[in-house]
N, C-alpha and C. Protein backbone atom coordinates (compact mmCIF):
# COMPACT_ATOMS: atom_id res chain seq x y z
N MET A 1 12.20 -17.72 29.73
CA MET A 1 11.91 -16.33 30.04
C MET A 1 12.02 -15.50 28.75
N ARG A 2 11.09 -14.59 28.60
CA ARG A 2 11.10 -13.73 27.42
C ARG A 2 12.16 -12.65 27.55
N THR A 3 12.78 -12.35 26.45
CA THR A 3 13.78 -11.29 26.46
C THR A 3 13.11 -9.96 26.14
N GLU A 4 13.80 -8.88 26.42
CA GLU A 4 13.28 -7.55 26.09
C GLU A 4 13.08 -7.44 24.57
N GLU A 5 13.98 -8.02 23.80
CA GLU A 5 13.86 -7.97 22.35
C GLU A 5 12.58 -8.67 21.89
N GLN A 6 12.27 -9.82 22.47
CA GLN A 6 11.04 -10.53 22.12
C GLN A 6 9.81 -9.70 22.47
N SER A 7 9.84 -9.05 23.61
CA SER A 7 8.72 -8.21 24.03
C SER A 7 8.52 -7.04 23.08
N MET A 8 9.61 -6.42 22.67
CA MET A 8 9.51 -5.28 21.76
C MET A 8 8.99 -5.70 20.39
N LYS A 9 9.44 -6.84 19.89
CA LYS A 9 8.95 -7.32 18.59
C LYS A 9 7.47 -7.64 18.66
N GLU A 10 7.01 -8.21 19.77
CA GLU A 10 5.60 -8.50 19.95
C GLU A 10 4.80 -7.20 20.02
N TRP A 11 5.32 -6.22 20.75
CA TRP A 11 4.64 -4.93 20.90
C TRP A 11 4.52 -4.23 19.56
N LEU A 12 5.54 -4.35 18.71
CA LEU A 12 5.53 -3.70 17.41
C LEU A 12 4.37 -4.20 16.56
N GLY A 13 4.07 -5.48 16.64
CA GLY A 13 2.92 -6.03 15.96
C GLY A 13 3.13 -6.35 14.49
N ARG A 14 4.33 -6.19 14.00
CA ARG A 14 4.63 -6.54 12.61
C ARG A 14 6.13 -6.84 12.53
N PRO A 15 6.55 -7.51 11.47
CA PRO A 15 7.97 -7.80 11.34
C PRO A 15 8.80 -6.52 11.28
N PHE A 16 9.95 -6.53 11.90
CA PHE A 16 10.83 -5.37 11.89
C PHE A 16 11.94 -5.61 10.88
N ASP A 17 12.10 -4.68 9.94
CA ASP A 17 13.14 -4.78 8.93
C ASP A 17 14.12 -3.64 9.15
N ALA A 18 15.26 -3.94 9.73
CA ALA A 18 16.26 -2.91 10.05
C ALA A 18 16.78 -2.22 8.79
N GLN A 19 16.70 -2.87 7.65
CA GLN A 19 17.20 -2.28 6.41
C GLN A 19 16.33 -1.12 5.93
N VAL A 20 15.05 -1.13 6.28
CA VAL A 20 14.15 -0.06 5.82
C VAL A 20 13.74 0.89 6.93
N PHE A 21 14.25 0.67 8.15
CA PHE A 21 13.91 1.55 9.26
C PHE A 21 14.43 2.96 8.98
N ASP A 22 13.57 3.95 9.11
CA ASP A 22 13.91 5.34 8.81
C ASP A 22 14.16 6.09 10.13
N HIS A 23 15.42 6.23 10.51
CA HIS A 23 15.77 6.89 11.77
C HIS A 23 15.27 8.33 11.81
N ALA A 24 15.39 9.04 10.73
CA ALA A 24 14.97 10.45 10.69
C ALA A 24 13.46 10.56 10.93
N ARG A 25 12.69 9.68 10.31
CA ARG A 25 11.23 9.71 10.50
C ARG A 25 10.86 9.35 11.94
N ALA A 26 11.53 8.35 12.50
CA ALA A 26 11.28 7.97 13.89
C ALA A 26 11.60 9.13 14.83
N ASN A 27 12.72 9.78 14.60
CA ASN A 27 13.11 10.91 15.45
C ASN A 27 12.13 12.07 15.33
N LEU A 28 11.58 12.30 14.14
CA LEU A 28 10.59 13.35 13.95
C LEU A 28 9.39 13.11 14.87
N TRP A 29 8.90 11.89 14.89
CA TRP A 29 7.74 11.57 15.73
C TRP A 29 8.10 11.58 17.21
N LEU A 30 9.28 11.17 17.57
CA LEU A 30 9.70 11.19 18.98
C LEU A 30 9.83 12.62 19.50
N ARG A 31 10.24 13.54 18.64
CA ARG A 31 10.36 14.95 19.06
C ARG A 31 9.01 15.56 19.38
N LYS A 32 7.93 14.98 18.87
CA LYS A 32 6.59 15.51 19.13
C LYS A 32 6.09 15.17 20.54
N LEU A 33 6.77 14.25 21.21
CA LEU A 33 6.35 13.84 22.55
C LEU A 33 6.91 14.78 23.60
N LYS A 34 6.20 14.89 24.71
CA LYS A 34 6.58 15.78 25.80
C LYS A 34 7.43 15.03 26.82
N TRP A 35 8.71 14.89 26.52
CA TRP A 35 9.63 14.18 27.39
C TRP A 35 9.98 15.04 28.58
N PRO A 36 10.22 14.51 29.76
CA PRO A 36 10.23 13.08 30.10
C PRO A 36 8.88 12.60 30.63
N ASN A 37 7.85 13.42 30.53
CA ASN A 37 6.56 13.08 31.13
C ASN A 37 5.54 12.61 30.09
N THR A 38 5.97 11.84 29.13
CA THR A 38 5.10 11.34 28.09
C THR A 38 4.13 10.32 28.65
N THR A 39 2.86 10.50 28.35
CA THR A 39 1.84 9.54 28.80
C THR A 39 1.62 8.49 27.72
N GLU A 40 0.97 7.42 28.09
CA GLU A 40 0.65 6.37 27.12
C GLU A 40 -0.25 6.93 26.02
N ALA A 41 -1.18 7.81 26.39
CA ALA A 41 -2.08 8.41 25.40
C ALA A 41 -1.31 9.26 24.39
N GLN A 42 -0.32 10.03 24.85
CA GLN A 42 0.48 10.84 23.94
C GLN A 42 1.30 9.96 23.00
N LEU A 43 1.85 8.90 23.53
CA LEU A 43 2.63 7.97 22.70
C LEU A 43 1.72 7.31 21.66
N ARG A 44 0.54 6.87 22.08
CA ARG A 44 -0.41 6.25 21.16
C ARG A 44 -0.77 7.21 20.03
N LYS A 45 -1.04 8.48 20.38
CA LYS A 45 -1.41 9.48 19.38
C LYS A 45 -0.28 9.69 18.38
N ALA A 46 0.95 9.78 18.87
CA ALA A 46 2.10 9.97 17.98
C ALA A 46 2.28 8.76 17.07
N LEU A 47 2.16 7.56 17.61
CA LEU A 47 2.34 6.36 16.80
C LEU A 47 1.23 6.21 15.78
N MET A 48 0.01 6.53 16.15
CA MET A 48 -1.10 6.43 15.20
C MET A 48 -0.95 7.48 14.10
N GLY A 49 -0.46 8.67 14.45
CA GLY A 49 -0.19 9.68 13.45
C GLY A 49 0.90 9.24 12.49
N ARG A 50 1.92 8.63 13.06
CA ARG A 50 3.03 8.12 12.25
C ARG A 50 2.54 7.08 11.26
N ASP A 51 1.60 6.25 11.70
CA ASP A 51 1.11 5.16 10.87
C ASP A 51 -0.07 5.57 9.99
N GLY A 52 -0.50 6.82 10.09
CA GLY A 52 -1.59 7.30 9.26
C GLY A 52 -2.98 6.87 9.72
N CYS A 53 -3.12 6.49 10.97
CA CYS A 53 -4.42 6.08 11.51
C CYS A 53 -5.23 7.30 11.90
N LYS A 54 -6.53 7.24 11.68
CA LYS A 54 -7.40 8.36 12.06
C LYS A 54 -7.83 8.26 13.51
N LYS A 55 -8.07 7.07 14.02
CA LYS A 55 -8.41 6.86 15.43
C LYS A 55 -8.65 5.44 15.77
């Protein structure tokens, strides 16, 4: 059975390096979401903005 950790690493789509993870930057992007009613589209837009994707 897959663990939640395995699922999250697969969802991330790239290796996760806890040493370089920027909590402040992550929190900045999370604050842009409309909690608690965040839609998948809103999350996708925030993550793509975070990663510098145009669309």
